[in-house]
Amino acid sequence: MTHRDPVEVVGSACSLLRHVRPMFSDQVDLREIAAQMIETFDLMIARQNAFRDKHGKHSYSLEEFGLTADGVRSHFKDYCERYKIPLREAGAR
């Protein structure tokens, strides 16, 4: 789970649903969307906290998936440059 400012995450998720819901419904209630997103994120946070408390640290390596840091960075170079995403040194987590 990536950890970001809840204001950004909830706002972004609400906006996404505001634009997606009309494809499935003639009525879009913005306050209902807000309530559902708050409830959804409460549940996600509680579950990830319980998982983390029970199984400790999530460990992985790119190499086990046949990837390298250089390869992933090269692939997403334009994206990282466009959004000025700070990059960690190889191997740092």
N, C-alpha and C. Protein backbone atom coordinates (compact mmCIF):
# COMPACT_ATOMS: atom_id res chain seq x y z
N MET A 1 0.85 -1.17 0.00
CA MET A 1 0.00 0.00 0.00
C MET A 1 0.89 1.23 0.00
N THR A 2 0.65 2.11 -0.93
CA THR A 2 1.40 3.36 -0.92
C THR A 2 0.73 4.30 0.07
N HIS A 3 1.52 5.07 0.77
CA HIS A 3 0.99 5.97 1.78
C HIS A 3 1.11 7.40 1.26
N ARG A 4 -0.05 8.04 1.09
CA ARG A 4 -0.12 9.41 0.59
C ARG A 4 -1.08 10.21 1.46
N ASP A 5 -1.07 11.51 1.27
CA ASP A 5 -1.98 12.40 1.98
C ASP A 5 -3.41 11.96 1.71
N PRO A 6 -4.19 11.63 2.75
CA PRO A 6 -5.56 11.17 2.54
C PRO A 6 -6.43 12.18 1.77
N VAL A 7 -6.14 13.46 1.92
CA VAL A 7 -6.91 14.47 1.17
C VAL A 7 -6.75 14.25 -0.33
N GLU A 8 -5.51 13.97 -0.77
CA GLU A 8 -5.26 13.73 -2.19
C GLU A 8 -5.92 12.44 -2.66
N VAL A 9 -5.77 11.39 -1.88
CA VAL A 9 -6.28 10.08 -2.27
C VAL A 9 -7.81 10.07 -2.32
N VAL A 10 -8.44 10.55 -1.26
CA VAL A 10 -9.90 10.55 -1.21
C VAL A 10 -10.47 11.47 -2.28
N GLY A 11 -9.89 12.65 -2.43
CA GLY A 11 -10.35 13.57 -3.46
C GLY A 11 -10.23 13.00 -4.85
N SER A 12 -9.11 12.37 -5.14
CA SER A 12 -8.90 11.77 -6.46
C SER A 12 -9.87 10.62 -6.71
N ALA A 13 -10.07 9.77 -5.71
CA ALA A 13 -10.99 8.65 -5.86
C ALA A 13 -12.43 9.14 -6.05
N CYS A 14 -12.82 10.16 -5.29
CA CYS A 14 -14.17 10.72 -5.45
C CYS A 14 -14.36 11.28 -6.86
N SER A 15 -13.37 12.00 -7.33
CA SER A 15 -13.46 12.57 -8.68
C SER A 15 -13.56 11.49 -9.74
N LEU A 16 -12.78 10.44 -9.57
CA LEU A 16 -12.83 9.33 -10.53
C LEU A 16 -14.23 8.73 -10.57
N LEU A 17 -14.80 8.44 -9.41
CA LEU A 17 -16.15 7.86 -9.37
C LEU A 17 -17.20 8.82 -9.93
N ARG A 18 -17.01 10.10 -9.68
CA ARG A 18 -17.95 11.11 -10.21
C ARG A 18 -18.04 11.02 -11.74
N HIS A 19 -16.94 10.70 -12.38
CA HIS A 19 -16.92 10.63 -13.84
C HIS A 19 -17.23 9.24 -14.38
N VAL A 20 -17.06 8.21 -13.56
CA VAL A 20 -17.34 6.84 -14.00
C VAL A 20 -18.80 6.44 -13.77
N ARG A 21 -19.35 6.85 -12.65
CA ARG A 21 -20.70 6.44 -12.30
C ARG A 21 -21.76 6.74 -13.35
N PRO A 22 -21.71 7.87 -14.06
CA PRO A 22 -22.75 8.12 -15.07
C PRO A 22 -22.83 7.05 -16.16
N MET A 23 -21.77 6.26 -16.32
CA MET A 23 -21.81 5.18 -17.30
C MET A 23 -22.74 4.06 -16.83
N PHE A 24 -22.99 3.99 -15.51
CA PHE A 24 -23.77 2.89 -14.94
C PHE A 24 -25.06 3.34 -14.28
N SER A 25 -25.24 4.65 -14.11
CA SER A 25 -26.40 5.15 -13.38
C SER A 25 -26.80 6.53 -13.91
N ASP A 26 -28.10 6.80 -13.86
CA ASP A 26 -28.59 8.11 -14.26
C ASP A 26 -28.50 9.12 -13.12
N GLN A 27 -28.30 8.62 -11.91
CA GLN A 27 -28.20 9.50 -10.74
C GLN A 27 -26.85 9.31 -10.06
N VAL A 28 -26.16 10.42 -9.85
CA VAL A 28 -24.87 10.37 -9.19
C VAL A 28 -24.95 11.29 -7.97
N ASP A 29 -24.85 10.69 -6.80
CA ASP A 29 -24.93 11.43 -5.55
C ASP A 29 -23.51 11.64 -5.02
N LEU A 30 -23.04 12.89 -5.10
CA LEU A 30 -21.66 13.17 -4.71
C LEU A 30 -21.40 12.92 -3.23
N ARG A 31 -22.38 13.16 -2.39
CA ARG A 31 -22.20 12.91 -0.95
C ARG A 31 -22.14 11.40 -0.67
N GLU A 32 -22.88 10.63 -1.44
CA GLU A 32 -22.82 9.17 -1.29
C GLU A 32 -21.44 8.67 -1.72
N ILE A 33 -20.93 9.22 -2.82
CA ILE A 33 -19.58 8.85 -3.26
C ILE A 33 -18.58 9.15 -2.16
N ALA A 34 -18.67 10.33 -1.58
CA ALA A 34 -17.74 10.72 -0.51
C ALA A 34 -17.82 9.76 0.67
N ALA A 35 -19.04 9.45 1.11
CA ALA A 35 -19.22 8.53 2.24
C ALA A 35 -18.65 7.15 1.93
N GLN A 36 -18.88 6.67 0.70
CA GLN A 36 -18.36 5.35 0.31
C GLN A 36 -16.83 5.34 0.25
N MET A 37 -16.24 6.43 -0.22
CA MET A 37 -14.78 6.47 -0.30
C MET A 37 -14.16 6.52 1.10
N ILE A 38 -14.74 7.30 2.00
CA ILE A 38 -14.24 7.32 3.38
C ILE A 38 -14.34 5.93 3.99
N GLU A 39 -15.47 5.26 3.81
CA GLU A 39 -15.67 3.91 4.34
C GLU A 39 -14.68 2.93 3.70
N THR A 40 -14.49 3.03 2.40
CA THR A 40 -13.56 2.15 1.68
C THR A 40 -12.14 2.31 2.19
N PHE A 41 -11.69 3.56 2.34
CA PHE A 41 -10.33 3.79 2.79
C PHE A 41 -10.15 3.41 4.26
N ASP A 42 -11.19 3.60 5.09
CA ASP A 42 -11.12 3.12 6.48
C ASP A 42 -10.87 1.61 6.50
N LEU A 43 -11.62 0.88 5.67
CA LEU A 43 -11.49 -0.57 5.62
C LEU A 43 -10.12 -0.99 5.08
N MET A 44 -9.67 -0.33 4.02
CA MET A 44 -8.35 -0.65 3.45
C MET A 44 -7.24 -0.44 4.47
N ILE A 45 -7.30 0.68 5.19
CA ILE A 45 -6.27 0.98 6.17
C ILE A 45 -6.31 -0.03 7.32
N ALA A 46 -7.49 -0.35 7.80
CA ALA A 46 -7.61 -1.33 8.88
C ALA A 46 -7.06 -2.69 8.45
N ARG A 47 -7.38 -3.10 7.24
CA ARG A 47 -6.90 -4.41 6.76
C ARG A 47 -5.40 -4.42 6.56
N GLN A 48 -4.85 -3.35 6.01
CA GLN A 48 -3.40 -3.34 5.80
C GLN A 48 -2.68 -3.25 7.14
N ASN A 49 -3.26 -2.54 8.11
CA ASN A 49 -2.65 -2.49 9.45
C ASN A 49 -2.66 -3.88 10.10
N ALA A 50 -3.78 -4.59 9.99
CA ALA A 50 -3.88 -5.93 10.56
C ALA A 50 -2.89 -6.88 9.89
N PHE A 51 -2.78 -6.78 8.58
CA PHE A 51 -1.84 -7.63 7.84
C PHE A 51 -0.41 -7.32 8.27
N ARG A 52 -0.09 -6.06 8.34
CA ARG A 52 1.27 -5.67 8.72
C ARG A 52 1.59 -6.09 10.15
N ASP A 53 0.63 -5.94 11.05
CA ASP A 53 0.84 -6.35 12.44
C ASP A 53 1.03 -7.86 12.55
N LYS A 54 0.34 -8.66 11.72
CA LYS A 54 0.40 -10.12 11.76
C LYS A 54 1.62 -10.67 11.00
N HIS A 55 2.00 -10.14 9.73
CA HIS A 55 3.03 -10.76 8.86
C HIS A 55 4.29 -9.94 8.75
N GLY A 56 4.37 -8.84 9.48
CA GLY A 56 5.62 -8.06 9.50
C GLY A 56 5.86 -7.32 8.20
N LYS A 57 7.09 -7.28 7.77
CA LYS A 57 7.51 -6.49 6.61
C LYS A 57 7.26 -7.25 5.30
N HIS A 58 6.81 -6.51 4.31
CA HIS A 58 6.62 -7.05 2.96
C HIS A 58 7.96 -7.01 2.25
N SER A 59 8.48 -8.18 1.92
CA SER A 59 9.77 -8.26 1.25
C SER A 59 9.60 -8.78 -0.17
N TYR A 60 10.37 -8.22 -1.07
CA TYR A 60 10.34 -8.64 -2.47
C TYR A 60 11.60 -8.13 -3.15
N SER A 61 11.82 -8.61 -4.36
CA SER A 61 12.89 -8.06 -5.19
C SER A 61 12.39 -8.03 -6.63
N LEU A 62 12.83 -7.05 -7.37
CA LEU A 62 12.47 -6.97 -8.79
C LEU A 62 13.00 -8.19 -9.54
N GLU A 63 14.18 -8.62 -9.14
CA GLU A 63 14.83 -9.72 -9.84
C GLU A 63 14.02 -11.01 -9.82
N GLU A 64 13.28 -11.25 -8.74
CA GLU A 64 12.48 -12.48 -8.69
C GLU A 64 11.38 -12.48 -9.75
N PHE A 65 11.08 -11.29 -10.30
CA PHE A 65 10.08 -11.17 -11.36
C PHE A 65 10.74 -10.96 -12.72
N GLY A 66 12.06 -11.10 -12.77
CA GLY A 66 12.78 -10.93 -14.02
C GLY A 66 12.97 -9.47 -14.42
N LEU A 67 12.90 -8.58 -13.45
CA LEU A 67 13.05 -7.15 -13.70
C LEU A 67 14.31 -6.61 -13.04
N THR A 68 14.74 -5.44 -13.50
CA THR A 68 15.84 -4.73 -12.85
C THR A 68 15.41 -3.28 -12.63
N ALA A 69 16.04 -2.63 -11.65
CA ALA A 69 15.73 -1.22 -11.39
C ALA A 69 16.01 -0.38 -12.63
N ASP A 70 17.14 -0.62 -13.28
CA ASP A 70 17.48 0.14 -14.49
C ASP A 70 16.45 -0.06 -15.59
N GLY A 71 15.98 -1.28 -15.75
CA GLY A 71 14.99 -1.58 -16.79
C GLY A 71 13.66 -0.90 -16.52
N VAL A 72 13.21 -0.94 -15.26
CA VAL A 72 11.94 -0.30 -14.90
C VAL A 72 12.06 1.21 -15.05
N ARG A 73 13.16 1.78 -14.57
CA ARG A 73 13.36 3.23 -14.70
C ARG A 73 13.43 3.66 -16.16
N SER A 74 14.09 2.88 -16.96
CA SER A 74 14.18 3.20 -18.38
C SER A 74 12.79 3.18 -19.03
N HIS A 75 12.00 2.18 -18.69
CA HIS A 75 10.66 2.04 -19.25
C HIS A 75 9.76 3.22 -18.87
N PHE A 76 9.86 3.67 -17.62
CA PHE A 76 9.00 4.75 -17.12
C PHE A 76 9.70 6.10 -17.06
N LYS A 77 10.78 6.26 -17.81
CA LYS A 77 11.58 7.49 -17.79
C LYS A 77 10.74 8.73 -18.08
N ASP A 78 9.96 8.71 -19.15
CA ASP A 78 9.15 9.87 -19.51
C ASP A 78 8.16 10.22 -18.41
N TYR A 79 7.51 9.21 -17.85
CA TYR A 79 6.55 9.41 -16.76
C TYR A 79 7.23 10.06 -15.55
N CYS A 80 8.36 9.53 -15.15
CA CYS A 80 9.07 10.06 -13.98
C CYS A 80 9.53 11.50 -14.20
N GLU A 81 10.01 11.78 -15.41
CA GLU A 81 10.44 13.14 -15.72
C GLU A 81 9.26 14.10 -15.75
N ARG A 82 8.17 13.70 -16.37
CA ARG A 82 7.00 14.58 -16.49
C ARG A 82 6.45 14.99 -15.12
N TYR A 83 6.40 14.03 -14.19
CA TYR A 83 5.82 14.30 -12.88
C TYR A 83 6.88 14.54 -11.80
N LYS A 84 8.12 14.69 -12.22
CA LYS A 84 9.22 14.99 -11.30
C LYS A 84 9.22 14.05 -10.09
N ILE A 85 9.15 12.78 -10.38
CA ILE A 85 9.11 11.75 -9.33
C ILE A 85 10.53 11.52 -8.82
N PRO A 86 10.75 11.72 -7.52
CA PRO A 86 12.09 11.49 -6.98
C PRO A 86 12.41 9.99 -7.00
N LEU A 87 13.59 9.66 -7.45
CA LEU A 87 14.00 8.26 -7.56
C LEU A 87 14.98 7.92 -6.44
N ARG A 88 14.80 6.76 -5.87
CA ARG A 88 15.70 6.28 -4.83
C ARG A 88 16.91 5.63 -5.48
N GLU A 89 17.98 5.50 -4.70
CA GLU A 89 19.13 4.78 -5.20
C GLU A 89 18.78 3.32 -5.32
N ALA A 90 19.41 2.62 -6.24
CA ALA A 90 19.14 1.19 -6.45
C ALA A 90 19.31 0.44 -5.14
N GLY A 91 18.37 -0.43 -4.85
CA GLY A 91 18.42 -1.26 -3.66
C GLY A 91 17.79 -0.62 -2.42
N ALA A 92 17.55 0.68 -2.46
CA ALA A 92 16.94 1.36 -1.29
C ALA A 92 15.43 1.18 -1.32
N ARG A 93 14.84 0.98 -0.16
CA ARG A 93 13.38 0.87 -0.05
C ARG A 93 12.92 1.65 1.13
